[in-house]
Amino acid sequence: MIWVTWRQHRAVLLTSAFLLAAVAVPTLISGLAMHEQYRTDGIAACVTDPHARAGCAQLVEQFAAQYGEWGNRMVWVAFLPALIGAFVGAPLLAREFENGTWRFAFTQGVSRTRWLLTQLTLVGTAAAVLALACSLLFTWWRQPLDAMGSRMRTAAFTVSPGLVALTLFALALGVFAGVLLRRTVIAMGLTLATYLTVRITLEETLRPHYLSPLVRTDAPSVQKTSDTLPPTDWIVDEGLINSAGHRISDGEKRDILKQVYDGDTVREGGAALERYLTEHGLQHYTEYHPADRYTAMLGIEIALYLSLALALFAAAAHLVRRRTS
């Protein structure tokens, strides 16, 4: 059964290995050059010593400008699980049911459970290994950039070890859609749409609240917390708060800016706004996650995706065992 499964999927598996190798070579070359520049230009020493940051801020900014854009583009790695789910997971069983070959498999002395487990184990292991290899490669590449900014932001979080759990979720989603719909193309479309919906919801809505953010307030005319926090902390939100503790909405803030910056006060810049805030009992607030929460938040996201993957695999297995026609 294992040999048959390998023969069925070897083209996809070998193609994936080739693509990984093709991506790894330029990534390693550019990564070695970036790590070397990070050390030899003294940027590592600046980042490590908080007291030295002010003196070499321009050097750090130049380095970030040189490599930061490439680092941010790694957010597209999140489409790797989507492709695996749609082009590997969805056809995995949908094609069998669509073409009727599942009946032949069940007449060869192979139970449905063994047939399903063999398929999922081989393909799932290969997908997990591919995702882990990509995660290790790109996380290593990003190390200098992550030392200069929060690892909880999108690009860094995307290439974290959570990529493995995200890949297994996408694969399980594709398998379930294939068993449920029994039509390969439709299952692929449903997999992509559902994957993007779940991922964007978790990333944009839930991730900032896996743990309760810390909140600090600052009086007007005082340096704001967001300006003094370490760059490795993740600022979730910031704005204005009134004396009753209620946050000022974007619309209310626009109204305040209209009142402040009229006539000659526009020449005063930020001083006019700070004076207005003082007169009306308003303060700045900053909502953030400290850098040491990274591991806990990553663990929460991994647990969420693995739970969804197990539930979808179990649902697919249930449908396969009940399949009669």
C-alpha atoms as a PDB file:
ATOM      1  CA  MET A   1       0.000   0.000   0.000  1.00  0.00           C
ATOM      2  CA  ILE A   2       2.852   2.378   0.795  1.00  0.00           C
ATOM      3  CA  TRP A   3       4.501   1.653  -2.568  1.00  0.00           C
ATOM      4  CA  VAL A   4       1.242   2.284  -4.423  1.00  0.00           C
ATOM      5  CA  THR A   5       0.742   5.566  -2.585  1.00  0.00           C
ATOM      6  CA  TRP A   6       4.303   6.605  -3.410  1.00  0.00           C
ATOM      7  CA  ARG A   7       3.753   5.816  -7.091  1.00  0.00           C
ATOM      8  CA  GLN A   8       0.580   7.924  -7.056  1.00  0.00           C
ATOM      9  CA  HIS A   9       2.170  10.996  -5.554  1.00  0.00           C
ATOM     10  CA  ARG A  10       5.862  10.772  -6.384  1.00  0.00           C
ATOM     11  CA  ALA A  11       5.656  13.388  -9.148  1.00  0.00           C
ATOM     12  CA  VAL A  12       4.267  15.996  -6.770  1.00  0.00           C
ATOM     13  CA  LEU A  13       6.687  15.061  -3.990  1.00  0.00           C
ATOM     14  CA  LEU A  14       9.748  15.146  -6.239  1.00  0.00           C
ATOM     15  CA  THR A  15       8.640  18.449  -7.798  1.00  0.00           C
ATOM     16  CA  SER A  16       8.252  19.942  -4.320  1.00  0.00           C
ATOM     17  CA  ALA A  17      11.753  18.801  -3.359  1.00  0.00           C
ATOM     18  CA  PHE A  18      13.180  20.321  -6.552  1.00  0.00           C
ATOM     19  CA  LEU A  19      11.425  23.652  -5.954  1.00  0.00           C
ATOM     20  CA  LEU A  20      12.668  23.726  -2.363  1.00  0.00           C
ATOM     21  CA  ALA A  21      16.235  23.210  -3.571  1.00  0.00           C
ATOM     22  CA  ALA A  22      15.805  25.931  -6.199  1.00  0.00           C
ATOM     23  CA  VAL A  23      14.606  28.392  -3.556  1.00  0.00           C
ATOM     24  CA  ALA A  24      17.172  27.335  -0.945  1.00  0.00           C
ATOM     25  CA  VAL A  25      20.261  28.127  -3.033  1.00  0.00           C
ATOM     26  CA  PRO A  26      19.653  31.879  -3.614  1.00  0.00           C
ATOM     27  CA  THR A  27      18.212  32.234  -0.099  1.00  0.00           C
ATOM     28  CA  LEU A  28      21.362  30.769   1.438  1.00  0.00           C
ATOM     29  CA  ILE A  29      23.625  32.960  -0.706  1.00  0.00           C
ATOM     30  CA  SER A  30      21.792  36.193   0.134  1.00  0.00           C
ATOM     31  CA  GLY A  31      21.375  35.143   3.764  1.00  0.00           C
ATOM     32  CA  LEU A  32      25.092  34.528   4.256  1.00  0.00           C
ATOM     33  CA  ALA A  33      25.876  37.940   2.766  1.00  0.00           C
ATOM     34  CA  MET A  34      23.291  39.660   4.976  1.00  0.00           C
ATOM     35  CA  HIS A  35      24.481  37.927   8.170  1.00  0.00           C
ATOM     36  CA  GLU A  36      28.075  38.840   7.363  1.00  0.00           C
ATOM     37  CA  GLN A  37      27.182  42.494   6.780  1.00  0.00           C
ATOM     38  CA  TYR A  38      25.145  42.471   9.992  1.00  0.00           C
ATOM     39  CA  ARG A  39      28.264  41.490  11.942  1.00  0.00           C
ATOM     40  CA  THR A  40      31.044  43.342  10.128  1.00  0.00           C
ATOM     41  CA  ASP A  41      29.209  46.684   9.878  1.00  0.00           C
ATOM     42  CA  GLY A  42      28.693  46.702  13.641  1.00  0.00           C
ATOM     43  CA  ILE A  43      24.918  46.520  13.405  1.00  0.00           C
ATOM     44  CA  ALA A  44      24.767  43.468  15.661  1.00  0.00           C
ATOM     45  CA  ALA A  45      26.584  45.388  18.389  1.00  0.00           C
ATOM     46  CA  CYS A  46      24.192  48.327  18.000  1.00  0.00           C
ATOM     47  CA  VAL A  47      21.124  46.133  18.276  1.00  0.00           C
ATOM     48  CA  THR A  48      22.471  44.133  21.217  1.00  0.00           C
ATOM     49  CA  ASP A  49      23.385  47.194  23.275  1.00  0.00           C
ATOM     50  CA  PRO A  50      20.310  49.429  23.873  1.00  0.00           C
ATOM     51  CA  HIS A  51      22.564  52.351  24.889  1.00  0.00           C
ATOM     52  CA  ALA A  52      24.336  52.259  21.524  1.00  0.00           C
ATOM     53  CA  ARG A  53      21.185  52.340  19.392  1.00  0.00           C
ATOM     54  CA  ALA A  54      20.867  56.111  19.379  1.00  0.00           C
ATOM     55  CA  GLY A  55      24.405  56.557  18.113  1.00  0.00           C
ATOM     56  CA  CYS A  56      24.035  54.219  15.151  1.00  0.00           C
ATOM     57  CA  ALA A  57      20.366  54.677  14.281  1.00  0.00           C
ATOM     58  CA  GLN A  58      21.212  55.726  10.731  1.00  0.00           C
ATOM     59  CA  LEU A  59      23.321  52.608  10.166  1.00  0.00           C
ATOM     60  CA  VAL A  60      20.501  50.382  11.407  1.00  0.00           C
ATOM     61  CA  GLU A  61      17.968  52.207   9.235  1.00  0.00           C
ATOM     62  CA  GLN A  62      20.133  51.749   6.144  1.00  0.00           C
ATOM     63  CA  PHE A  63      20.467  48.035   6.809  1.00  0.00           C
ATOM     64  CA  ALA A  64      16.706  47.695   7.368  1.00  0.00           C
ATOM     65  CA  ALA A  65      15.990  49.607   4.163  1.00  0.00           C
ATOM     66  CA  GLN A  66      18.367  47.353   2.212  1.00  0.00           C
ATOM     67  CA  TYR A  67      16.923  44.034   3.371  1.00  0.00           C
ATOM     68  CA  GLY A  68      13.605  44.864   5.000  1.00  0.00           C
ATOM     69  CA  GLU A  69      11.590  44.834   1.788  1.00  0.00           C
ATOM     70  CA  TRP A  70      12.815  41.342   0.906  1.00  0.00           C
ATOM     71  CA  GLY A  71      12.028  40.218   4.427  1.00  0.00           C
ATOM     72  CA  ASN A  72       8.486  41.552   4.183  1.00  0.00           C
ATOM     73  CA  ARG A  73       7.965  39.714   0.914  1.00  0.00           C
ATOM     74  CA  MET A  74       8.309  36.443   2.811  1.00  0.00           C
ATOM     75  CA  VAL A  75       4.688  36.901   3.810  1.00  0.00           C
ATOM     76  CA  TRP A  76       3.957  35.196   0.493  1.00  0.00           C
ATOM     77  CA  VAL A  77       5.274  31.973   2.031  1.00  0.00           C
ATOM     78  CA  ALA A  78       1.801  31.748   3.560  1.00  0.00           C
ATOM     79  CA  PHE A  79       0.556  30.731   0.109  1.00  0.00           C
ATOM     80  CA  LEU A  80       2.634  27.549   0.266  1.00  0.00           C
ATOM     81  CA  PRO A  81       0.091  25.852   2.586  1.00  0.00           C
ATOM     82  CA  ALA A  82      -2.729  27.117   0.347  1.00  0.00           C
ATOM     83  CA  LEU A  83      -1.129  25.491  -2.712  1.00  0.00           C
ATOM     84  CA  ILE A  84      -0.557  22.232  -0.828  1.00  0.00           C
ATOM     85  CA  GLY A  85      -4.134  22.201   0.400  1.00  0.00           C
ATOM     86  CA  ALA A  86      -5.636  22.976  -3.011  1.00  0.00           C
ATOM     87  CA  PHE A  87      -3.348  21.019  -5.341  1.00  0.00           C
ATOM     88  CA  VAL A  88      -2.393  18.099  -3.081  1.00  0.00           C
ATOM     89  CA  GLY A  89      -5.031  17.783  -0.369  1.00  0.00           C
ATOM     90  CA  ALA A  90      -8.171  18.403  -2.427  1.00  0.00           C
ATOM     91  CA  PRO A  91      -7.358  15.956  -5.273  1.00  0.00           C
ATOM     92  CA  LEU A  92      -5.950  13.342  -2.877  1.00  0.00           C
ATOM     93  CA  LEU A  93      -9.294  11.590  -2.344  1.00  0.00           C
ATOM     94  CA  ALA A  94     -11.621  13.644  -4.548  1.00  0.00           C
ATOM     95  CA  ARG A  95      -9.982  12.192  -7.652  1.00  0.00           C
ATOM     96  CA  GLU A  96     -10.453   8.663  -6.318  1.00  0.00           C
ATOM     97  CA  PHE A  97     -14.177   9.226  -5.764  1.00  0.00           C
ATOM     98  CA  GLU A  98     -14.630  11.232  -8.967  1.00  0.00           C
ATOM     99  CA  ASN A  99     -13.058   8.498 -11.127  1.00  0.00           C
ATOM    100  CA  GLY A 100     -14.506   5.588  -9.167  1.00  0.00           C
ATOM    101  CA  THR A 101     -11.101   4.053  -8.401  1.00  0.00           C
ATOM    102  CA  TRP A 102     -11.894   3.946  -4.674  1.00  0.00           C
ATOM    103  CA  ARG A 103     -14.029   0.845  -5.297  1.00  0.00           C
ATOM    104  CA  PHE A 104     -11.031  -0.987  -6.750  1.00  0.00           C
ATOM    105  CA  ALA A 105      -8.886  -0.053  -3.741  1.00  0.00           C
ATOM    106  CA  PHE A 106     -11.421  -1.484  -1.303  1.00  0.00           C
ATOM    107  CA  THR A 107     -11.580  -4.828  -3.152  1.00  0.00           C
ATOM    108  CA  GLN A 108      -7.850  -5.481  -2.771  1.00  0.00           C
ATOM    109  CA  GLY A 109      -7.961  -6.605   0.842  1.00  0.00           C
ATOM    110  CA  VAL A 110      -7.190  -3.108   2.138  1.00  0.00           C
ATOM    111  CA  SER A 111      -9.533  -1.668   4.741  1.00  0.00           C
ATOM    112  CA  ARG A 112     -10.809   1.852   4.327  1.00  0.00           C
ATOM    113  CA  THR A 113      -9.024   2.949   7.489  1.00  0.00           C
ATOM    114  CA  ARG A 114      -5.666   1.579   6.327  1.00  0.00           C
ATOM    115  CA  TRP A 115      -6.146   3.038   2.858  1.00  0.00           C
ATOM    116  CA  LEU A 116      -6.891   6.481   4.297  1.00  0.00           C
ATOM    117  CA  LEU A 117      -4.141   6.388   6.939  1.00  0.00           C
ATOM    118  CA  THR A 118      -1.506   5.375   4.401  1.00  0.00           C
ATOM    119  CA  GLN A 119      -2.477   8.184   2.053  1.00  0.00           C
ATOM    120  CA  LEU A 120      -2.581  10.814   4.786  1.00  0.00           C
ATOM    121  CA  THR A 121       0.575   9.656   6.560  1.00  0.00           C
ATOM    122  CA  LEU A 122       2.792   9.709   3.490  1.00  0.00           C
ATOM    123  CA  VAL A 123       1.471  12.942   2.024  1.00  0.00           C
ATOM    124  CA  GLY A 124       1.086  14.654   5.403  1.00  0.00           C
ATOM    125  CA  THR A 125       4.634  13.786   6.455  1.00  0.00           C
ATOM    126  CA  ALA A 126       6.043  15.060   3.166  1.00  0.00           C
ATOM    127  CA  ALA A 127       4.068  18.314   3.447  1.00  0.00           C
ATOM    128  CA  ALA A 128       5.165  18.819   7.052  1.00  0.00           C
ATOM    129  CA  VAL A 129       8.828  18.203   6.195  1.00  0.00           C
ATOM    130  CA  LEU A 130       8.638  20.660   3.291  1.00  0.00           C
ATOM    131  CA  ALA A 131       7.013  23.304   5.496  1.00  0.00           C
ATOM    132  CA  LEU A 132       9.554  22.740   8.282  1.00  0.00           C
ATOM    133  CA  ALA A 133      12.461  23.063   5.849  1.00  0.00           C
ATOM    134  CA  CYS A 134      11.051  26.344   4.510  1.00  0.00           C
ATOM    135  CA  SER A 135      10.425  27.596   8.039  1.00  0.00           C
ATOM    136  CA  LEU A 136      13.965  26.856   9.221  1.00  0.00           C
ATOM    137  CA  LEU A 137      15.497  28.365   6.089  1.00  0.00           C
ATOM    138  CA  PHE A 138      13.532  31.608   6.114  1.00  0.00           C
ATOM    139  CA  THR A 139      13.655  32.024   9.905  1.00  0.00           C
ATOM    140  CA  TRP A 140      17.436  31.780   9.728  1.00  0.00           C
ATOM    141  CA  TRP A 141      17.495  34.311   6.866  1.00  0.00           C
ATOM    142  CA  ARG A 142      15.364  36.754   8.892  1.00  0.00           C
ATOM    143  CA  GLN A 143      17.391  36.583  12.135  1.00  0.00           C
ATOM    144  CA  PRO A 144      19.082  40.011  11.744  1.00  0.00           C
ATOM    145  CA  LEU A 145      15.771  41.666  10.834  1.00  0.00           C
ATOM    146  CA  ASP A 146      13.932  39.964  13.700  1.00  0.00           C
ATOM    147  CA  ALA A 147      16.536  41.293  16.137  1.00  0.00           C
ATOM    148  CA  MET A 148      15.550  44.788  14.987  1.00  0.00           C
ATOM    149  CA  GLY A 149      11.759  44.376  15.053  1.00  0.00           C
ATOM    150  CA  SER A 150       8.923  42.344  16.501  1.00  0.00           C
ATOM    151  CA  ARG A 151       8.733  38.660  15.545  1.00  0.00           C
ATOM    152  CA  MET A 152       4.979  38.796  16.182  1.00  0.00           C
ATOM    153  CA  ARG A 153       4.361  40.860  13.072  1.00  0.00           C
ATOM    154  CA  THR A 154       3.025  39.189   9.949  1.00  0.00           C
ATOM    155  CA  ALA A 155       6.154  38.408   7.901  1.00  0.00           C
ATOM    156  CA  ALA A 156       8.186  36.968  10.783  1.00  0.00           C
ATOM    157  CA  PHE A 157       5.242  35.032  12.228  1.00  0.00           C
ATOM    158  CA  THR A 158       4.458  33.552   8.812  1.00  0.00           C
ATOM    159  CA  VAL A 159       7.834  31.826   8.440  1.00  0.00           C
ATOM    160  CA  SER A 160       7.916  30.646  12.069  1.00  0.00           C
ATOM    161  CA  PRO A 161       7.527  26.935  12.974  1.00  0.00           C
ATOM    162  CA  GLY A 162       3.797  27.649  12.917  1.00  0.00           C
ATOM    163  CA  LEU A 163       4.089  27.206   9.144  1.00  0.00           C
ATOM    164  CA  VAL A 164       4.063  23.427   9.721  1.00  0.00           C
ATOM    165  CA  ALA A 165       0.759  23.549  11.614  1.00  0.00           C
ATOM    166  CA  LEU A 166      -0.702  25.908   9.006  1.00  0.00           C
ATOM    167  CA  THR A 167       0.328  23.491   6.230  1.00  0.00           C
ATOM    168  CA  LEU A 168      -1.272  20.502   7.968  1.00  0.00           C
ATOM    169  CA  PHE A 169      -4.456  22.534   8.436  1.00  0.00           C
ATOM    170  CA  ALA A 170      -4.538  23.432   4.730  1.00  0.00           C
ATOM    171  CA  LEU A 171      -3.894  19.806   3.753  1.00  0.00           C
ATOM    172  CA  ALA A 172      -6.659  18.565   6.070  1.00  0.00           C
ATOM    173  CA  LEU A 173      -9.005  21.206   4.706  1.00  0.00           C
ATOM    174  CA  GLY A 174      -8.323  20.058   1.150  1.00  0.00           C
ATOM    175  CA  VAL A 175      -8.810  16.384   2.046  1.00  0.00           C
ATOM    176  CA  PHE A 176     -12.099  17.101   3.788  1.00  0.00           C
ATOM    177  CA  ALA A 177     -13.365  19.256   0.910  1.00  0.00           C
ATOM    178  CA  GLY A 178     -12.435  16.503  -1.563  1.00  0.00           C
ATOM    179  CA  VAL A 179     -14.264  13.790   0.379  1.00  0.00           C
ATOM    180  CA  LEU A 180     -17.272  16.012   0.968  1.00  0.00           C
ATOM    181  CA  LEU A 181     -17.718  17.337  -2.582  1.00  0.00           C
ATOM    182  CA  ARG A 182     -16.197  14.423  -4.585  1.00  0.00           C
ATOM    183  CA  ARG A 183     -15.303  16.870  -7.362  1.00  0.00           C
ATOM    184  CA  THR A 184     -11.671  17.880  -7.652  1.00  0.00           C
ATOM    185  CA  VAL A 185     -11.949  21.373  -9.141  1.00  0.00           C
ATOM    186  CA  ILE A 186     -14.785  22.451  -6.856  1.00  0.00           C
ATOM    187  CA  ALA A 187     -12.942  21.082  -3.831  1.00  0.00           C
ATOM    188  CA  MET A 188      -9.817  23.029  -4.812  1.00  0.00           C
ATOM    189  CA  GLY A 189     -11.787  26.273  -5.020  1.00  0.00           C
ATOM    190  CA  LEU A 190     -13.495  25.699  -1.680  1.00  0.00           C
ATOM    191  CA  THR A 191     -10.145  24.877  -0.072  1.00  0.00           C
ATOM    192  CA  LEU A 192      -8.531  28.119  -1.242  1.00  0.00           C
ATOM    193  CA  ALA A 193     -11.496  30.266  -0.204  1.00  0.00           C
ATOM    194  CA  THR A 194     -11.836  28.692   3.238  1.00  0.00           C
ATOM    195  CA  TYR A 195      -8.089  28.716   3.890  1.00  0.00           C
ATOM    196  CA  LEU A 196      -7.794  32.423   3.124  1.00  0.00           C
ATOM    197  CA  THR A 197     -10.846  33.233   5.247  1.00  0.00           C
ATOM    198  CA  VAL A 198      -9.561  31.327   8.286  1.00  0.00           C
ATOM    199  CA  ARG A 199      -5.996  32.567   8.000  1.00  0.00           C
ATOM    200  CA  ILE A 200      -6.898  36.230   7.542  1.00  0.00           C
ATOM    201  CA  THR A 201      -9.385  36.063  10.414  1.00  0.00           C
ATOM    202  CA  LEU A 202      -6.812  34.596  12.785  1.00  0.00           C
ATOM    203  CA  GLU A 203      -4.049  36.929  11.659  1.00  0.00           C
ATOM    204  CA  GLU A 204      -5.954  40.200  11.615  1.00  0.00           C
ATOM    205  CA  THR A 205      -8.605  39.664  14.292  1.00  0.00           C
ATOM    206  CA  LEU A 206      -7.615  36.941  16.754  1.00  0.00           C
ATOM    207  CA  ARG A 207      -3.806  36.984  16.932  1.00  0.00           C
ATOM    208  CA  PRO A 208      -3.562  40.422  18.624  1.00  0.00           C
ATOM    209  CA  HIS A 209      -5.840  39.043  21.356  1.00  0.00           C
ATOM    210  CA  TYR A 210      -4.378  35.567  21.964  1.00  0.00           C
ATOM    211  CA  LEU A 211      -3.160  37.214  25.160  1.00  0.00           C
ATOM    212  CA  SER A 212      -4.498  40.436  26.656  1.00  0.00           C
ATOM    213  CA  PRO A 213      -2.312  43.306  25.403  1.00  0.00           C
ATOM    214  CA  LEU A 214      -0.618  45.549  27.936  1.00  0.00           C
ATOM    215  CA  VAL A 215      -1.868  49.143  27.955  1.00  0.00           C
ATOM    216  CA  ARG A 216       0.098  52.225  28.986  1.00  0.00           C
ATOM    217  CA  THR A 217      -1.056  55.815  28.987  1.00  0.00           C
ATOM    218  CA  ASP A 218       1.049  58.946  28.607  1.00  0.00           C
ATOM    219  CA  ALA A 219       0.190  62.531  29.473  1.00  0.00           C
ATOM    220  CA  PRO A 220       0.347  65.094  26.646  1.00  0.00           C
ATOM    221  CA  SER A 221       3.698  66.792  26.039  1.00  0.00           C
ATOM    222  CA  VAL A 222       5.450  63.677  27.394  1.00  0.00           C
ATOM    223  CA  GLN A 223       7.271  61.227  25.137  1.00  0.00           C
ATOM    224  CA  LYS A 224       4.781  58.557  24.186  1.00  0.00           C
ATOM    225  CA  THR A 225       5.219  54.928  25.237  1.00  0.00           C
ATOM    226  CA  SER A 226       5.258  53.859  21.582  1.00  0.00           C
ATOM    227  CA  ASP A 227       8.378  56.001  21.103  1.00  0.00           C
ATOM    228  CA  THR A 228      10.229  54.397  24.019  1.00  0.00           C
ATOM    229  CA  LEU A 229       9.244  50.742  23.696  1.00  0.00           C
ATOM    230  CA  PRO A 230      11.899  48.328  22.383  1.00  0.00           C
ATOM    231  CA  PRO A 231      11.502  47.755  18.637  1.00  0.00           C
ATOM    232  CA  THR A 232      11.033  44.035  19.336  1.00  0.00           C
ATOM    233  CA  ASP A 233       7.730  44.719  21.135  1.00  0.00           C
ATOM    234  CA  TRP A 234       4.544  44.524  19.049  1.00  0.00           C
ATOM    235  CA  ILE A 235       2.395  47.657  19.153  1.00  0.00           C
ATOM    236  CA  VAL A 236      -1.173  46.515  18.491  1.00  0.00           C
ATOM    237  CA  ASP A 237      -2.957  49.843  18.756  1.00  0.00           C
ATOM    238  CA  GLU A 238      -2.429  53.405  19.903  1.00  0.00           C
ATOM    239  CA  GLY A 239      -4.556  56.513  20.089  1.00  0.00           C
ATOM    240  CA  LEU A 240      -6.243  58.907  22.499  1.00  0.00           C
ATOM    241  CA  ILE A 241      -8.200  58.274  25.684  1.00  0.00           C
ATOM    242  CA  ASN A 242     -10.355  60.694  27.696  1.00  0.00           C
ATOM    243  CA  SER A 243     -10.456  61.264  31.449  1.00  0.00           C
ATOM    244  CA  ALA A 244     -13.265  58.703  31.834  1.00  0.00           C
ATOM    245  CA  GLY A 245     -11.115  55.986  30.282  1.00  0.00           C
ATOM    246  CA  HIS A 246     -13.013  55.857  26.985  1.00  0.00           C
ATOM    247  CA  ARG A 247     -11.010  55.624  23.767  1.00  0.00           C
ATOM    248  CA  ILE A 248     -11.451  58.312  21.163  1.00  0.00           C
ATOM    249  CA  SER A 249     -12.728  56.970  17.833  1.00  0.00           C
ATOM    250  CA  ASP A 250     -11.093  57.786  14.514  1.00  0.00           C
ATOM    251  CA  GLY A 251     -13.962  60.116  13.662  1.00  0.00           C
ATOM    252  CA  GLU A 252     -13.608  62.001  16.938  1.00  0.00           C
ATOM    253  CA  LYS A 253      -9.853  62.238  16.413  1.00  0.00           C
ATOM    254  CA  ARG A 254     -10.391  63.762  12.963  1.00  0.00           C
ATOM    255  CA  ASP A 255     -12.723  66.329  14.520  1.00  0.00           C
ATOM    256  CA  ILE A 256     -10.052  67.201  17.105  1.00  0.00           C
ATOM    257  CA  LEU A 257      -7.421  67.665  14.394  1.00  0.00           C
ATOM    258  CA  LYS A 258      -9.773  69.979  12.485  1.00  0.00           C
ATOM    259  CA  GLN A 259     -10.259  72.092  15.606  1.00  0.00           C
ATOM    260  CA  VAL A 260      -6.555  72.215  16.422  1.00  0.00           C
ATOM    261  CA  TYR A 261      -5.055  72.871  13.017  1.00  0.00           C
ATOM    262  CA  ASP A 262      -6.953  75.937  11.898  1.00  0.00           C
ATOM    263  CA  GLY A 263      -5.419  79.276  11.160  1.00  0.00           C
ATOM    264  CA  ASP A 264      -2.026  80.000  12.668  1.00  0.00           C
ATOM    265  CA  THR A 265      -1.905  76.965  14.965  1.00  0.00           C
ATOM    266  CA  VAL A 266      -0.827  74.776  12.059  1.00  0.00           C
ATOM    267  CA  ARG A 267       2.580  76.456  12.291  1.00  0.00           C
ATOM    268  CA  GLU A 268       3.071  75.068  15.783  1.00  0.00           C
ATOM    269  CA  GLY A 269       2.910  71.479  14.601  1.00  0.00           C
ATOM    270  CA  GLY A 270       2.544  68.897  17.345  1.00  0.00           C
ATOM    271  CA  ALA A 271       2.760  71.460  20.146  1.00  0.00           C
ATOM    272  CA  ALA A 272      -0.727  72.782  19.314  1.00  0.00           C
ATOM    273  CA  LEU A 273      -2.205  69.291  19.501  1.00  0.00           C
ATOM    274  CA  GLU A 274      -0.485  68.492  22.807  1.00  0.00           C
ATOM    275  CA  ARG A 275      -1.775  71.753  24.308  1.00  0.00           C
ATOM    276  CA  TYR A 276      -5.324  70.920  23.184  1.00  0.00           C
ATOM    277  CA  LEU A 277      -5.080  67.450  24.728  1.00  0.00           C
ATOM    278  CA  THR A 278      -3.907  68.891  28.040  1.00  0.00           C
ATOM    279  CA  GLU A 279      -6.736  71.423  28.129  1.00  0.00           C
ATOM    280  CA  HIS A 280      -9.381  68.753  27.466  1.00  0.00           C
ATOM    281  CA  GLY A 281      -8.054  66.017  29.758  1.00  0.00           C
ATOM    282  CA  LEU A 282      -7.003  63.678  26.950  1.00  0.00           C
ATOM    283  CA  GLN A 283      -4.035  61.292  27.017  1.00  0.00           C
ATOM    284  CA  HIS A 284      -2.162  59.033  24.634  1.00  0.00           C
ATOM    285  CA  TYR A 285      -2.514  55.263  25.046  1.00  0.00           C
ATOM    286  CA  THR A 286      -0.441  52.400  23.651  1.00  0.00           C
ATOM    287  CA  GLU A 287      -1.612  48.781  23.470  1.00  0.00           C
ATOM    288  CA  TYR A 288       1.257  46.330  22.978  1.00  0.00           C
ATOM    289  CA  HIS A 289       2.700  42.849  23.474  1.00  0.00           C
ATOM    290  CA  PRO A 290       6.240  42.608  24.911  1.00  0.00           C
ATOM    291  CA  ALA A 291       8.744  40.545  22.947  1.00  0.00           C
ATOM    292  CA  ASP A 292       8.861  37.757  25.542  1.00  0.00           C
ATOM    293  CA  ARG A 293       5.282  36.791  24.646  1.00  0.00           C
ATOM    294  CA  TYR A 294       6.335  35.509  21.229  1.00  0.00           C
ATOM    295  CA  THR A 295       6.714  31.864  22.253  1.00  0.00           C
ATOM    296  CA  ALA A 296       3.366  31.776  24.061  1.00  0.00           C
ATOM    297  CA  MET A 297       1.495  33.395  21.175  1.00  0.00           C
ATOM    298  CA  LEU A 298       3.165  31.103  18.665  1.00  0.00           C
ATOM    299  CA  GLY A 299       2.172  28.090  20.765  1.00  0.00           C
ATOM    300  CA  ILE A 300      -1.443  29.263  20.857  1.00  0.00           C
ATOM    301  CA  GLU A 301      -1.586  29.644  17.076  1.00  0.00           C
ATOM    302  CA  ILE A 302       0.046  26.253  16.487  1.00  0.00           C
ATOM    303  CA  ALA A 303      -2.456  24.626  18.844  1.00  0.00           C
ATOM    304  CA  LEU A 304      -5.368  26.276  17.014  1.00  0.00           C
ATOM    305  CA  TYR A 305      -4.251  25.123  13.563  1.00  0.00           C
ATOM    306  CA  LEU A 306      -3.403  21.589  14.743  1.00  0.00           C
ATOM    307  CA  SER A 307      -6.797  21.286  16.438  1.00  0.00           C
ATOM    308  CA  LEU A 308      -8.536  22.340  13.230  1.00  0.00           C
ATOM    309  CA  ALA A 309      -6.401  19.896  11.219  1.00  0.00           C
ATOM    310  CA  LEU A 310      -7.203  16.958  13.503  1.00  0.00           C
ATOM    311  CA  ALA A 311     -10.916  17.793  13.417  1.00  0.00           C
ATOM    312  CA  LEU A 312     -10.917  17.948   9.607  1.00  0.00           C
ATOM    313  CA  PHE A 313      -8.911  14.723   9.231  1.00  0.00           C
ATOM    314  CA  ALA A 314     -11.333  12.989  11.615  1.00  0.00           C
ATOM    315  CA  ALA A 315     -14.338  14.323   9.699  1.00  0.00           C
ATOM    316  CA  ALA A 316     -12.836  13.137   6.396  1.00  0.00           C
ATOM    317  CA  ALA A 317     -12.169   9.671   7.861  1.00  0.00           C
ATOM    318  CA  HIS A 318     -15.751   9.484   9.086  1.00  0.00           C
ATOM    319  CA  LEU A 319     -17.098  10.307   5.624  1.00  0.00           C
ATOM    320  CA  VAL A 320     -14.811   7.749   3.959  1.00  0.00           C
ATOM    321  CA  ARG A 321     -15.909   4.941   6.309  1.00  0.00           C
ATOM    322  CA  ARG A 322     -19.569   5.744   5.661  1.00  0.00           C
ATOM    323  CA  ARG A 323     -19.145   5.984   1.900  1.00  0.00           C
ATOM    324  CA  THR A 324     -21.342   3.391   0.151  1.00  0.00           C
ATOM    325  CA  SER A 325     -21.703   4.679  -3.384  1.00  0.00           C
END
